[in-house]
Protein backbone atom coordinates (compact mmCIF):
# COMPACT_ATOMS: atom_id res chain seq x y z
CA MET A 1 21.07 -30.87 21.44
CA SER A 2 21.23 -33.16 24.85
CA LYS A 3 19.88 -32.61 28.15
CA ILE A 4 22.42 -31.32 31.00
CA VAL A 5 20.56 -33.10 33.64
CA SER A 6 18.36 -36.02 32.83
CA ASP A 7 15.19 -37.11 34.82
CA ASN A 8 17.08 -40.32 36.39
CA ASP A 9 20.22 -38.18 37.61
CA SER A 10 20.31 -38.25 41.28
CA VAL A 11 23.84 -36.25 41.48
CA LEU A 12 21.75 -33.05 40.97
CA ASP A 13 18.56 -33.74 42.73
CA ALA A 14 18.08 -29.86 43.20
CA PHE A 15 17.88 -29.27 39.59
CA ASN A 16 16.44 -32.87 38.57
CA PRO A 17 13.06 -32.13 37.39
CA HIS A 18 11.61 -35.34 38.28
CA ALA A 19 13.10 -35.20 42.04
CA ILE A 20 11.46 -31.45 42.38
CA ALA A 21 8.15 -33.08 41.35
CA MET A 22 8.54 -35.98 43.69
CA GLY A 23 9.17 -33.58 46.63
CA LEU A 24 6.32 -31.57 45.78
CA ALA A 25 3.89 -34.36 45.94
CA PHE A 26 5.52 -35.66 49.11
CA ARG A 27 5.03 -32.06 50.58
CA MET A 28 1.37 -32.00 49.38
CA ARG A 29 0.47 -35.36 50.51
CA GLU A 30 2.13 -34.56 54.02
CA ARG A 31 0.00 -31.20 53.86
CA ARG A 32 -3.05 -32.99 53.27
CA LEU A 33 -2.85 -35.57 55.90
CA GLU A 34 -1.93 -32.92 58.17
CA LEU A 35 -5.08 -31.40 57.44
CA ASN A 36 -7.00 -34.94 58.05
CA LEU A 37 -8.22 -34.77 54.43
CA THR A 38 -8.56 -37.92 52.42
CA GLN A 39 -7.70 -38.02 48.74
CA GLN A 40 -11.54 -38.32 48.15
CA THR A 41 -12.28 -34.90 50.26
CA LEU A 42 -9.41 -33.04 48.87
CA ALA A 43 -10.23 -33.82 45.24
CA GLY A 44 -13.84 -32.57 46.00
CA LYS A 45 -12.85 -29.65 47.73
CA SER A 46 -10.34 -28.55 44.98
CA GLY A 47 -12.18 -29.73 41.89
CA VAL A 48 -9.38 -31.87 40.74
CA SER A 49 -10.51 -35.50 39.95
CA LEU A 50 -9.59 -38.35 42.29
CA GLY A 51 -7.48 -39.86 39.38
CA THR A 52 -5.39 -37.30 38.87
CA LEU A 53 -4.52 -36.18 42.56
CA LYS A 54 -3.78 -40.05 42.89
CA ARG A 55 -1.28 -39.85 39.92
CA PHE A 56 0.55 -36.92 41.34
CA GLU A 57 0.84 -38.61 44.78
CA ASN A 58 2.21 -41.87 42.96
CA SER A 59 3.92 -40.44 39.77
CA TYR A 60 4.67 -36.99 40.63
CA GLU A 61 2.54 -35.77 37.29
CA ILE A 62 0.55 -32.91 37.19
CA SER A 63 -0.89 -29.73 35.36
CA LEU A 64 0.12 -26.32 36.79
CA ARG A 65 -3.42 -25.62 36.74
CA HIS A 66 -4.35 -28.63 39.06
CA LEU A 67 -1.48 -28.10 41.20
CA LEU A 68 -2.59 -24.59 41.87
CA MET A 69 -6.06 -25.87 42.53
CA LEU A 70 -4.91 -28.14 45.19
CA ALA A 71 -2.81 -25.57 46.48
CA VAL A 72 -5.67 -23.00 47.06
CA VAL A 73 -7.40 -25.76 49.44
CA LEU A 74 -4.20 -26.40 51.08
CA ASP A 75 -3.56 -22.95 51.75
CA ALA A 76 -0.24 -22.97 49.93
CA THR A 77 -0.71 -20.37 46.91
CA GLU A 78 1.69 -17.98 48.58
CA GLU A 79 4.52 -19.90 47.55
CA PHE A 80 3.69 -19.70 44.04
CA LEU A 81 3.97 -15.88 44.20
CA LEU A 82 7.55 -16.49 44.98
CA LEU A 83 8.07 -18.12 41.79
CA PHE A 84 10.11 -16.01 38.84
CA THR A 85 10.14 -13.02 41.08
CA LYS A 86 12.88 -10.47 40.19
CA ARG A 87 16.35 -11.23 41.18
CA GLN A 88 17.59 -10.02 44.68
CA TYR A 89 20.99 -8.20 44.12
CA GLU A 90 23.73 -9.06 46.90
CA SER A 91 26.14 -6.15 45.86
CA ILE A 92 26.29 -2.76 43.61
CA ASP A 93 28.37 -4.54 41.20
CA GLU A 94 25.50 -7.23 40.35
CA VAL A 95 23.21 -4.22 39.75
CA MET A 96 25.44 -2.61 37.72
CA LYS A 97 26.13 -5.73 35.27
CA ALA A 98 22.43 -6.40 35.20
CA SER A 99 21.98 -2.71 34.00
CA VAL A 100 24.19 -3.16 31.07
CA VAL A 101 22.04 -6.21 29.59
CA LYS A 102 21.29 -5.64 26.09
CA LYS A 103 17.60 -4.93 25.03
CA ARG A 104 16.65 -8.03 22.53
CA GLN A 105 15.61 -6.50 18.98
CA ARG A 106 13.67 -7.42 16.32
CA GLY A 107 15.41 -8.68 13.31
CA LYS A 108 14.78 -6.06 10.13
CA ARG A 109 13.13 -6.73 7.19
CA ASN A 110 14.52 -6.32 3.93
CA VAL A 111 12.21 -4.00 1.35
């Protein structure tokens, strides 16, 4: 199965995982600098290794756990609470369509 959007596509940056990660790293670095924290200080306060922090700022790769640890120190955890929240409906029609969604069922075993 081919990918719909590759990591190098710039046409759909809003849906490009690489671009999203790059934006996160850029905004995290900006927040770190606003708080006048060095990489070493942020690493020490968060419990994330300096190498992991540098890799995130330079190549945009980090585990979710480490990203959350950095977010705690940078006072940015509230944004994570908004991820994957229930959908907000704009009309009664959308609510009605959503209520018709079929429930998944387990396959039946042949005995």
